[in-house]
All heavy atoms as atom14 arrays in JSON, in Angstrom:
{
  "sequence": "KIDRFINPQQGYNKTLPLHPMSEGEEYYLGVFLVGAYQETLGDLHNL",
  "atom14_mask": [
    [1, 1, 1, 1, 1, 1, 1, 1, 1, 0, 0, 0, 0, 0],
    [1, 1, 1, 1, 1, 1, 1, 1, 0, 0, 0, 0, 0, 0],
    [1, 1, 1, 1, 1, 1, 1, 1, 0, 0, 0, 0, 0, 0],
    [1, 1, 1, 1, 1, 1, 1, 1, 1, 1, 1, 0, 0, 0],
    [1, 1, 1, 1, 1, 1, 1, 1, 1, 1, 1, 0, 0, 0],
    [1, 1, 1, 1, 1, 1, 1, 1, 0, 0, 0, 0, 0, 0],
    [1, 1, 1, 1, 1, 1, 1, 1, 0, 0, 0, 0, 0, 0],
    [1, 1, 1, 1, 1, 1, 1, 0, 0, 0, 0, 0, 0, 0],
    [1, 1, 1, 1, 1, 1, 1, 1, 1, 0, 0, 0, 0, 0],
    [1, 1, 1, 1, 1, 1, 1, 1, 1, 0, 0, 0, 0, 0],
    [1, 1, 1, 1, 0, 0, 0, 0, 0, 0, 0, 0, 0, 0],
    [1, 1, 1, 1, 1, 1, 1, 1, 1, 1, 1, 1, 0, 0],
    [1, 1, 1, 1, 1, 1, 1, 1, 0, 0, 0, 0, 0, 0],
    [1, 1, 1, 1, 1, 1, 1, 1, 1, 0, 0, 0, 0, 0],
    [1, 1, 1, 1, 1, 1, 1, 0, 0, 0, 0, 0, 0, 0],
    [1, 1, 1, 1, 1, 1, 1, 1, 0, 0, 0, 0, 0, 0],
    [1, 1, 1, 1, 1, 1, 1, 0, 0, 0, 0, 0, 0, 0],
    [1, 1, 1, 1, 1, 1, 1, 1, 0, 0, 0, 0, 0, 0],
    [1, 1, 1, 1, 1, 1, 1, 1, 1, 1, 0, 0, 0, 0],
    [1, 1, 1, 1, 1, 1, 1, 0, 0, 0, 0, 0, 0, 0],
    [1, 1, 1, 1, 1, 1, 1, 1, 0, 0, 0, 0, 0, 0],
    [1, 1, 1, 1, 1, 1, 0, 0, 0, 0, 0, 0, 0, 0],
    [1, 1, 1, 1, 1, 1, 1, 1, 1, 0, 0, 0, 0, 0],
    [1, 1, 1, 1, 0, 0, 0, 0, 0, 0, 0, 0, 0, 0],
    [1, 1, 1, 1, 1, 1, 1, 1, 1, 0, 0, 0, 0, 0],
    [1, 1, 1, 1, 1, 1, 1, 1, 1, 0, 0, 0, 0, 0],
    [1, 1, 1, 1, 1, 1, 1, 1, 1, 1, 1, 1, 0, 0],
    [1, 1, 1, 1, 1, 1, 1, 1, 1, 1, 1, 1, 0, 0],
    [1, 1, 1, 1, 1, 1, 1, 1, 0, 0, 0, 0, 0, 0],
    [1, 1, 1, 1, 0, 0, 0, 0, 0, 0, 0, 0, 0, 0],
    [1, 1, 1, 1, 1, 1, 1, 0, 0, 0, 0, 0, 0, 0],
    [1, 1, 1, 1, 1, 1, 1, 1, 1, 1, 1, 0, 0, 0],
    [1, 1, 1, 1, 1, 1, 1, 1, 0, 0, 0, 0, 0, 0],
    [1, 1, 1, 1, 1, 1, 1, 0, 0, 0, 0, 0, 0, 0],
    [1, 1, 1, 1, 0, 0, 0, 0, 0, 0, 0, 0, 0, 0],
    [1, 1, 1, 1, 1, 0, 0, 0, 0, 0, 0, 0, 0, 0],
    [1, 1, 1, 1, 1, 1, 1, 1, 1, 1, 1, 1, 0, 0],
    [1, 1, 1, 1, 1, 1, 1, 1, 1, 0, 0, 0, 0, 0],
    [1, 1, 1, 1, 1, 1, 1, 1, 1, 0, 0, 0, 0, 0],
    [1, 1, 1, 1, 1, 1, 1, 0, 0, 0, 0, 0, 0, 0],
    [1, 1, 1, 1, 1, 1, 1, 1, 0, 0, 0, 0, 0, 0],
    [1, 1, 1, 1, 0, 0, 0, 0, 0, 0, 0, 0, 0, 0],
    [1, 1, 1, 1, 1, 1, 1, 1, 0, 0, 0, 0, 0, 0],
    [1, 1, 1, 1, 1, 1, 1, 1, 0, 0, 0, 0, 0, 0],
    [1, 1, 1, 1, 1, 1, 1, 1, 1, 1, 0, 0, 0, 0],
    [1, 1, 1, 1, 1, 1, 1, 1, 0, 0, 0, 0, 0, 0],
    [1, 1, 1, 1, 1, 1, 1, 1, 0, 0, 0, 0, 0, 0]
  ],
  "atom14_positions": [
    [[-109.12, 56.47, -86.53], [-109.58, 56.42, -85.18], [-109.24, 55.08, -84.68], [-109.21, 54.14, -85.39], [-110.9, 56.83, -85.1], [-112.01, 55.76, -85.49], [-113.4, 56.13, -85.15], [-114.36, 55.05, -85.6], [-114.89, 55.15, -86.98], [0.0, 0.0, 0.0], [0.0, 0.0, 0.0], [0.0, 0.0, 0.0], [0.0, 0.0, 0.0], [0.0, 0.0, 0.0]],
    [[-109.19, 55.06, -83.29], [-109.02, 53.79, -82.61], [-110.17, 53.71, -81.63], [-110.33, 54.45, -80.72], [-107.67, 53.73, -81.88], [-106.53, 54.0, -82.94], [-107.52, 52.31, -81.21], [-105.06, 53.96, -82.13], [0.0, 0.0, 0.0], [0.0, 0.0, 0.0], [0.0, 0.0, 0.0], [0.0, 0.0, 0.0], [0.0, 0.0, 0.0], [0.0, 0.0, 0.0]],
    [[-111.08, 52.64, -81.91], [-112.09, 52.47, -80.88], [-112.3, 50.93, -80.4], [-113.39, 50.51, -80.09], [-113.31, 53.04, -81.55], [-113.79, 52.26, -82.94], [-113.03, 51.34, -83.27], [-114.65, 52.84, -83.51], [0.0, 0.0, 0.0], [0.0, 0.0, 0.0], [0.0, 0.0, 0.0], [0.0, 0.0, 0.0], [0.0, 0.0, 0.0], [0.0, 0.0, 0.0]],
    [[-111.06, 50.25, -80.52], [-111.09, 48.86, -79.91], [-109.79, 48.8, -79.07], [-108.71, 49.12, -79.61], [-111.04, 47.91, -81.12], [-112.28, 47.86, -81.97], [-112.16, 46.93, -83.19], [-112.22, 45.5, -82.73], [-111.31, 44.69, -82.84], [-110.15, 44.98, -83.03], [-111.6, 43.39, -82.47], [0.0, 0.0, 0.0], [0.0, 0.0, 0.0], [0.0, 0.0, 0.0]],
    [[-110.0, 48.49, -77.87], [-108.88, 48.58, -76.95], [-108.92, 47.25, -76.11], [-109.88, 46.68, -75.88], [-108.89, 49.68, -75.98], [-109.07, 51.08, -76.62], [-110.29, 51.55, -76.96], [-107.89, 51.69, -77.04], [-110.43, 52.8, -77.47], [-107.92, 52.83, -77.73], [-109.2, 53.5, -78.03], [0.0, 0.0, 0.0], [0.0, 0.0, 0.0], [0.0, 0.0, 0.0]],
    [[-107.64, 46.84, -75.69], [-107.5, 45.51, -75.13], [-108.2, 45.33, -73.77], [-108.12, 46.21, -72.97], [-106.0, 45.11, -74.86], [-105.31, 44.83, -76.19], [-105.75, 43.98, -74.0], [-103.87, 44.88, -76.26], [0.0, 0.0, 0.0], [0.0, 0.0, 0.0], [0.0, 0.0, 0.0], [0.0, 0.0, 0.0], [0.0, 0.0, 0.0], [0.0, 0.0, 0.0]],
    [[-109.02, 44.16, -73.6], [-109.52, 43.84, -72.37], [-109.32, 42.3, -72.23], [-109.98, 41.46, -72.95], [-110.97, 44.08, -72.32], [-111.63, 43.78, -71.01], [-111.27, 42.66, -70.39], [-112.65, 44.53, -70.56], [0.0, 0.0, 0.0], [0.0, 0.0, 0.0], [0.0, 0.0, 0.0], [0.0, 0.0, 0.0], [0.0, 0.0, 0.0], [0.0, 0.0, 0.0]],
    [[-108.38, 41.9, -71.45], [-107.98, 40.49, -71.47], [-109.12, 39.47, -71.07], [-109.22, 38.34, -71.47], [-106.96, 40.35, -70.38], [-106.27, 41.75, -70.42], [-107.47, 42.65, -70.57], [0.0, 0.0, 0.0], [0.0, 0.0, 0.0], [0.0, 0.0, 0.0], [0.0, 0.0, 0.0], [0.0, 0.0, 0.0], [0.0, 0.0, 0.0], [0.0, 0.0, 0.0]],
    [[-110.1, 40.15, -70.29], [-111.19, 39.18, -69.82], [-112.28, 39.2, -70.96], [-112.96, 38.12, -71.1], [-111.79, 39.78, -68.58], [-111.02, 39.35, -67.39], [-109.7, 40.32, -67.22], [-109.79, 41.49, -67.45], [-108.57, 39.68, -66.9], [0.0, 0.0, 0.0], [0.0, 0.0, 0.0], [0.0, 0.0, 0.0], [0.0, 0.0, 0.0], [0.0, 0.0, 0.0]],
    [[-112.55, 40.21, -71.69], [-113.68, 40.22, -72.63], [-113.16, 40.48, -74.03], [-114.12, 40.81, -74.85], [-114.65, 41.4, -72.16], [-115.1, 41.22, -70.82], [-115.92, 42.41, -70.35], [-116.33, 43.2, -71.15], [-116.25, 42.43, -69.04], [0.0, 0.0, 0.0], [0.0, 0.0, 0.0], [0.0, 0.0, 0.0], [0.0, 0.0, 0.0], [0.0, 0.0, 0.0]],
    [[-112.05, 40.33, -74.29], [-111.46, 40.51, -75.67], [-111.08, 41.92, -76.01], [-109.98, 42.2, -76.16], [0.0, 0.0, 0.0], [0.0, 0.0, 0.0], [0.0, 0.0, 0.0], [0.0, 0.0, 0.0], [0.0, 0.0, 0.0], [0.0, 0.0, 0.0], [0.0, 0.0, 0.0], [0.0, 0.0, 0.0], [0.0, 0.0, 0.0], [0.0, 0.0, 0.0]],
    [[-112.11, 42.8, -76.04], [-111.78, 44.26, -76.21], [-112.83, 45.19, -75.61], [-114.03, 44.63, -75.53], [-111.48, 44.53, -77.77], [-112.58, 44.53, -78.56], [-113.43, 45.62, -78.84], [-113.1, 43.43, -79.27], [-114.48, 45.58, -79.64], [-114.19, 43.34, -80.05], [-114.93, 44.49, -80.26], [-116.07, 44.43, -80.98], [0.0, 0.0, 0.0], [0.0, 0.0, 0.0]],
    [[-112.57, 46.33, -75.32], [-113.36, 47.44, -74.94], [-113.4, 48.37, -76.16], [-112.51, 48.54, -76.89], [-112.9, 48.1, -73.64], [-113.04, 47.23, -72.45], [-113.82, 46.3, -72.44], [-112.19, 47.52, -71.52], [0.0, 0.0, 0.0], [0.0, 0.0, 0.0], [0.0, 0.0, 0.0], [0.0, 0.0, 0.0], [0.0, 0.0, 0.0], [0.0, 0.0, 0.0]],
    [[-114.52, 49.11, -76.17], [-114.76, 50.17, -77.16], [-114.31, 51.58, -76.75], [-114.21, 52.51, -77.6], [-116.29, 50.28, -77.57], [-116.73, 49.02, -78.31], [-118.23, 49.15, -78.77], [-118.68, 47.92, -79.48], [-120.07, 47.99, -80.03], [0.0, 0.0, 0.0], [0.0, 0.0, 0.0], [0.0, 0.0, 0.0], [0.0, 0.0, 0.0], [0.0, 0.0, 0.0]],
    [[-113.82, 51.63, -75.51], [-113.36, 53.0, -75.09], [-112.04, 52.6, -74.16], [-111.87, 51.52, -73.69], [-114.32, 53.75, -74.17], [-114.71, 52.91, -72.98], [-115.43, 54.13, -74.96], [0.0, 0.0, 0.0], [0.0, 0.0, 0.0], [0.0, 0.0, 0.0], [0.0, 0.0, 0.0], [0.0, 0.0, 0.0], [0.0, 0.0, 0.0], [0.0, 0.0, 0.0]],
    [[-111.33, 53.66, -74.07], [-110.1, 53.59, -73.32], [-110.08, 54.53, -72.06], [-110.4, 55.7, -72.11], [-108.77, 53.93, -74.05], [-107.48, 53.79, -73.44], [-107.03, 52.45, -73.13], [-106.37, 54.54, -74.36], [0.0, 0.0, 0.0], [0.0, 0.0, 0.0], [0.0, 0.0, 0.0], [0.0, 0.0, 0.0], [0.0, 0.0, 0.0], [0.0, 0.0, 0.0]],
    [[-109.81, 54.06, -70.76], [-109.87, 54.93, -69.6], [-108.72, 55.93, -69.68], [-107.54, 55.38, -69.95], [-109.8, 54.0, -68.41], [-110.13, 52.67, -68.91], [-109.7, 52.62, -70.48], [0.0, 0.0, 0.0], [0.0, 0.0, 0.0], [0.0, 0.0, 0.0], [0.0, 0.0, 0.0], [0.0, 0.0, 0.0], [0.0, 0.0, 0.0], [0.0, 0.0, 0.0]],
    [[-108.91, 57.09, -69.69], [-107.82, 58.16, -69.75], [-107.98, 59.21, -68.66], [-109.07, 59.35, -68.08], [-107.76, 58.75, -71.16], [-107.28, 57.91, -72.2], [-107.39, 58.61, -73.58], [-105.88, 57.34, -72.06], [0.0, 0.0, 0.0], [0.0, 0.0, 0.0], [0.0, 0.0, 0.0], [0.0, 0.0, 0.0], [0.0, 0.0, 0.0], [0.0, 0.0, 0.0]],
    [[-106.99, 60.1, -68.39], [-107.05, 61.04, -67.44], [-107.58, 62.42, -68.1], [-107.34, 62.65, -69.34], [-105.73, 61.32, -66.77], [-105.12, 60.22, -66.22], [-104.2, 59.24, -66.79], [-105.23, 59.61, -64.8], [-103.87, 58.33, -65.99], [-104.55, 58.52, -64.75], [0.0, 0.0, 0.0], [0.0, 0.0, 0.0], [0.0, 0.0, 0.0], [0.0, 0.0, 0.0]],
    [[-108.26, 63.24, -67.35], [-108.58, 64.53, -67.86], [-107.18, 65.43, -68.12], [-106.27, 65.17, -67.51], [-109.27, 65.26, -66.65], [-109.65, 64.18, -65.76], [-108.73, 63.04, -65.96], [0.0, 0.0, 0.0], [0.0, 0.0, 0.0], [0.0, 0.0, 0.0], [0.0, 0.0, 0.0], [0.0, 0.0, 0.0], [0.0, 0.0, 0.0], [0.0, 0.0, 0.0]],
    [[-107.27, 66.2, -69.1], [-106.12, 67.0, -69.43], [-105.84, 67.99, -68.26], [-106.82, 68.63, -67.76], [-106.2, 67.63, -70.61], [-106.27, 66.72, -71.93], [-104.65, 66.32, -72.38], [-104.07, 67.72, -73.32], [0.0, 0.0, 0.0], [0.0, 0.0, 0.0], [0.0, 0.0, 0.0], [0.0, 0.0, 0.0], [0.0, 0.0, 0.0], [0.0, 0.0, 0.0]],
    [[-104.53, 68.24, -67.86], [-104.34, 69.23, -66.95], [-103.77, 70.54, -67.73], [-103.04, 70.45, -68.67], [-103.17, 68.76, -66.0], [-103.64, 67.66, -65.22], [0.0, 0.0, 0.0], [0.0, 0.0, 0.0], [0.0, 0.0, 0.0], [0.0, 0.0, 0.0], [0.0, 0.0, 0.0], [0.0, 0.0, 0.0], [0.0, 0.0, 0.0], [0.0, 0.0, 0.0]],
    [[-104.18, 71.6, -67.23], [-103.9, 72.95, -67.92], [-102.33, 73.05, -68.03], [-101.72, 73.04, -67.02], [-104.56, 74.16, -67.18], [-104.42, 75.38, -67.77], [-105.21, 75.51, -69.15], [-106.27, 74.87, -69.23], [-104.7, 76.32, -69.96], [0.0, 0.0, 0.0], [0.0, 0.0, 0.0], [0.0, 0.0, 0.0], [0.0, 0.0, 0.0], [0.0, 0.0, 0.0]],
    [[-101.86, 73.37, -69.15], [-100.47, 73.79, -69.37], [-99.56, 72.49, -69.21], [-98.42, 72.66, -69.32], [0.0, 0.0, 0.0], [0.0, 0.0, 0.0], [0.0, 0.0, 0.0], [0.0, 0.0, 0.0], [0.0, 0.0, 0.0], [0.0, 0.0, 0.0], [0.0, 0.0, 0.0], [0.0, 0.0, 0.0], [0.0, 0.0, 0.0], [0.0, 0.0, 0.0]],
    [[-100.18, 71.32, -69.22], [-99.2, 70.11, -69.17], [-99.56, 69.12, -70.36], [-100.71, 68.93, -70.77], [-99.49, 69.28, -67.84], [-99.03, 70.05, -66.6], [-99.4, 69.16, -65.34], [-99.64, 67.99, -65.47], [-99.23, 69.76, -64.25], [0.0, 0.0, 0.0], [0.0, 0.0, 0.0], [0.0, 0.0, 0.0], [0.0, 0.0, 0.0], [0.0, 0.0, 0.0]],
    [[-98.47, 68.59, -70.94], [-98.63, 67.57, -71.95], [-99.18, 66.32, -71.44], [-98.89, 65.94, -70.21], [-97.33, 67.38, -72.61], [-96.88, 68.56, -73.34], [-97.47, 68.68, -74.77], [-98.51, 67.98, -75.09], [-96.89, 69.52, -75.63], [0.0, 0.0, 0.0], [0.0, 0.0, 0.0], [0.0, 0.0, 0.0], [0.0, 0.0, 0.0], [0.0, 0.0, 0.0]],
    [[-99.92, 65.59, -72.23], [-100.43, 64.3, -71.84], [-99.92, 63.29, -72.81], [-100.24, 63.57, -74.02], [-101.88, 64.23, -71.69], [-102.58, 62.95, -71.14], [-102.08, 62.52, -69.92], [-103.63, 62.26, -71.81], [-102.73, 61.38, -69.43], [-104.23, 61.19, -71.19], [-103.75, 60.74, -70.03], [-104.38, 59.67, -69.55], [0.0, 0.0, 0.0], [0.0, 0.0, 0.0]],
    [[-99.15, 62.18, -72.38], [-98.51, 61.31, -73.33], [-99.1, 59.96, -73.32], [-99.24, 59.43, -72.1], [-96.98, 61.25, -73.03], [-96.25, 62.54, -73.27], [-95.98, 63.38, -72.01], [-95.83, 62.9, -74.52], [-95.25, 64.48, -72.38], [-95.22, 64.15, -74.71], [-94.84, 64.92, -73.62], [-94.18, 66.07, -73.75], [0.0, 0.0, 0.0], [0.0, 0.0, 0.0]],
    [[-99.31, 59.28, -74.38], [-99.76, 57.93, -74.57], [-98.63, 57.18, -75.3], [-97.91, 57.65, -76.02], [-101.11, 57.89, -75.29], [-102.34, 58.54, -74.83], [-103.52, 58.11, -75.54], [-102.44, 58.33, -73.24], [0.0, 0.0, 0.0], [0.0, 0.0, 0.0], [0.0, 0.0, 0.0], [0.0, 0.0, 0.0], [0.0, 0.0, 0.0], [0.0, 0.0, 0.0]],
    [[-98.64, 55.84, -74.98], [-97.77, 54.91, -75.71], [-98.6, 53.7, -76.29], [-99.57, 53.38, -75.67], [0.0, 0.0, 0.0], [0.0, 0.0, 0.0], [0.0, 0.0, 0.0], [0.0, 0.0, 0.0], [0.0, 0.0, 0.0], [0.0, 0.0, 0.0], [0.0, 0.0, 0.0], [0.0, 0.0, 0.0], [0.0, 0.0, 0.0], [0.0, 0.0, 0.0]],
    [[-98.17, 53.37, -77.51], [-98.7, 52.23, -78.13], [-97.62, 51.22, -78.23], [-96.57, 51.44, -78.8], [-99.34, 52.47, -79.51], [-100.02, 51.27, -80.11], [-100.26, 53.67, -79.51], [0.0, 0.0, 0.0], [0.0, 0.0, 0.0], [0.0, 0.0, 0.0], [0.0, 0.0, 0.0], [0.0, 0.0, 0.0], [0.0, 0.0, 0.0], [0.0, 0.0, 0.0]],
    [[-97.81, 50.09, -77.45], [-96.74, 49.15, -77.31], [-96.86, 47.91, -78.16], [-97.77, 47.73, -78.9], [-96.68, 48.61, -75.91], [-96.42, 49.71, -74.8], [-97.49, 50.6, -74.38], [-95.26, 49.86, -74.21], [-97.27, 51.62, -73.49], [-95.03, 50.85, -73.35], [-95.93, 51.71, -72.95], [0.0, 0.0, 0.0], [0.0, 0.0, 0.0], [0.0, 0.0, 0.0]],
    [[-95.68, 47.15, -78.38], [-95.52, 46.01, -79.11], [-95.72, 46.34, -80.6], [-96.27, 45.52, -81.43], [-96.59, 44.94, -78.83], [-96.67, 44.55, -77.32], [-97.53, 43.33, -77.06], [-95.31, 44.36, -76.65], [0.0, 0.0, 0.0], [0.0, 0.0, 0.0], [0.0, 0.0, 0.0], [0.0, 0.0, 0.0], [0.0, 0.0, 0.0], [0.0, 0.0, 0.0]],
    [[-95.16, 47.52, -81.11], [-95.41, 47.94, -82.54], [-94.18, 47.63, -83.36], [-94.04, 48.17, -84.55], [-95.86, 49.36, -82.55], [-97.15, 49.57, -81.86], [-94.83, 50.27, -82.08], [0.0, 0.0, 0.0], [0.0, 0.0, 0.0], [0.0, 0.0, 0.0], [0.0, 0.0, 0.0], [0.0, 0.0, 0.0], [0.0, 0.0, 0.0], [0.0, 0.0, 0.0]],
    [[-93.24, 46.83, -83.01], [-92.02, 46.65, -83.72], [-92.09, 45.86, -84.97], [-91.24, 45.98, -85.8], [0.0, 0.0, 0.0], [0.0, 0.0, 0.0], [0.0, 0.0, 0.0], [0.0, 0.0, 0.0], [0.0, 0.0, 0.0], [0.0, 0.0, 0.0], [0.0, 0.0, 0.0], [0.0, 0.0, 0.0], [0.0, 0.0, 0.0], [0.0, 0.0, 0.0]],
    [[-93.11, 45.08, -85.05], [-93.44, 44.24, -86.21], [-94.33, 44.84, -87.24], [-95.43, 45.1, -86.93], [-93.82, 42.85, -85.74], [0.0, 0.0, 0.0], [0.0, 0.0, 0.0], [0.0, 0.0, 0.0], [0.0, 0.0, 0.0], [0.0, 0.0, 0.0], [0.0, 0.0, 0.0], [0.0, 0.0, 0.0], [0.0, 0.0, 0.0], [0.0, 0.0, 0.0]],
    [[-93.8, 45.0, -88.44], [-94.61, 45.35, -89.63], [-95.01, 46.83, -89.75], [-95.14, 47.43, -90.82], [-95.73, 44.45, -89.9], [-95.48, 43.01, -90.18], [-95.58, 42.01, -89.17], [-94.92, 42.68, -91.34], [-95.24, 40.73, -89.45], [-94.62, 41.33, -91.67], [-94.71, 40.46, -90.58], [-94.39, 39.06, -90.84], [0.0, 0.0, 0.0], [0.0, 0.0, 0.0]],
    [[-95.27, 47.51, -88.57], [-95.94, 48.76, -88.66], [-95.17, 49.86, -89.5], [-95.76, 50.62, -90.27], [-96.25, 49.2, -87.21], [-97.17, 48.3, -86.46], [-98.28, 47.8, -87.24], [-99.28, 48.58, -87.67], [-98.21, 46.46, -87.54], [0.0, 0.0, 0.0], [0.0, 0.0, 0.0], [0.0, 0.0, 0.0], [0.0, 0.0, 0.0], [0.0, 0.0, 0.0]],
    [[-93.8, 49.91, -89.19], [-93.03, 50.94, -89.91], [-92.96, 50.73, -91.46], [-92.93, 51.49, -92.27], [-91.6, 50.95, -89.24], [-91.64, 51.59, -87.93], [-90.18, 51.56, -87.33], [-89.41, 52.47, -87.78], [-89.88, 50.67, -86.5], [0.0, 0.0, 0.0], [0.0, 0.0, 0.0], [0.0, 0.0, 0.0], [0.0, 0.0, 0.0], [0.0, 0.0, 0.0]],
    [[-92.9, 49.23, -91.73], [-92.76, 48.85, -93.08], [-93.99, 49.1, -93.88], [-94.08, 49.48, -94.97], [-92.37, 47.36, -93.11], [-91.17, 47.21, -92.49], [-92.35, 46.93, -94.48], [0.0, 0.0, 0.0], [0.0, 0.0, 0.0], [0.0, 0.0, 0.0], [0.0, 0.0, 0.0], [0.0, 0.0, 0.0], [0.0, 0.0, 0.0], [0.0, 0.0, 0.0]],
    [[-95.17, 48.86, -93.34], [-96.54, 48.95, -93.93], [-97.11, 50.42, -93.99], [-98.08, 50.7, -94.78], [-97.55, 48.15, -93.18], [-97.28, 46.58, -93.26], [-98.27, 45.79, -92.41], [-97.19, 46.05, -94.68], [0.0, 0.0, 0.0], [0.0, 0.0, 0.0], [0.0, 0.0, 0.0], [0.0, 0.0, 0.0], [0.0, 0.0, 0.0], [0.0, 0.0, 0.0]],
    [[-96.46, 51.23, -93.16], [-97.0, 52.59, -93.09], [-97.15, 53.45, -94.42], [-96.25, 53.21, -95.34], [0.0, 0.0, 0.0], [0.0, 0.0, 0.0], [0.0, 0.0, 0.0], [0.0, 0.0, 0.0], [0.0, 0.0, 0.0], [0.0, 0.0, 0.0], [0.0, 0.0, 0.0], [0.0, 0.0, 0.0], [0.0, 0.0, 0.0], [0.0, 0.0, 0.0]],
    [[-98.14, 54.13, -94.67], [-98.24, 54.87, -95.9], [-98.22, 56.35, -95.73], [-98.05, 56.84, -94.63], [-99.53, 54.48, -96.74], [-100.84, 55.05, -96.11], [-100.75, 55.86, -95.12], [-101.85, 54.65, -96.54], [0.0, 0.0, 0.0], [0.0, 0.0, 0.0], [0.0, 0.0, 0.0], [0.0, 0.0, 0.0], [0.0, 0.0, 0.0], [0.0, 0.0, 0.0]],
    [[-98.45, 57.14, -96.82], [-98.36, 58.65, -96.67], [-99.85, 59.27, -96.67], [-99.9, 60.29, -97.28], [-97.51, 59.08, -97.84], [-96.03, 58.78, -97.78], [-95.37, 59.12, -99.03], [-95.34, 59.4, -96.68], [0.0, 0.0, 0.0], [0.0, 0.0, 0.0], [0.0, 0.0, 0.0], [0.0, 0.0, 0.0], [0.0, 0.0, 0.0], [0.0, 0.0, 0.0]],
    [[-100.77, 58.66, -96.05], [-102.07, 59.27, -95.94], [-101.96, 60.77, -95.49], [-101.21, 61.01, -94.45], [-102.9, 58.56, -94.9], [-104.33, 58.79, -95.05], [-104.91, 59.94, -94.51], [-105.41, 58.11, -95.64], [-106.16, 59.93, -94.6], [-106.5, 58.86, -95.38], [0.0, 0.0, 0.0], [0.0, 0.0, 0.0], [0.0, 0.0, 0.0], [0.0, 0.0, 0.0]],
    [[-102.45, 61.71, -96.22], [-102.44, 63.07, -95.96], [-101.03, 63.65, -95.99], [-100.74, 64.69, -95.42], [-103.1, 63.39, -94.57], [-104.52, 63.59, -94.59], [-105.31, 63.15, -93.69], [-105.1, 64.12, -95.76], [0.0, 0.0, 0.0], [0.0, 0.0, 0.0], [0.0, 0.0, 0.0], [0.0, 0.0, 0.0], [0.0, 0.0, 0.0], [0.0, 0.0, 0.0]],
    [[-100.18, 62.82, -96.58], [-98.71, 63.21, -96.6], [-98.02, 63.34, -95.23], [-97.19, 64.22, -95.02], [-98.48, 64.38, -97.39], [-98.88, 64.26, -98.87], [-98.5, 65.42, -99.74], [-98.27, 62.98, -99.59], [0.0, 0.0, 0.0], [0.0, 0.0, 0.0], [0.0, 0.0, 0.0], [0.0, 0.0, 0.0], [0.0, 0.0, 0.0], [0.0, 0.0, 0.0]]
  ]
}
């Protein structure tokens, strides 16, 4: 789970503001600045 989100003024928030889901529509999120280390360190948790 992710329960720490960026807040430039207060360090971080424990929740992320998101939109309600719309019926029949996909809702997409992006995690940015992940080009360093993440692909290399990733494991096979739950395969």
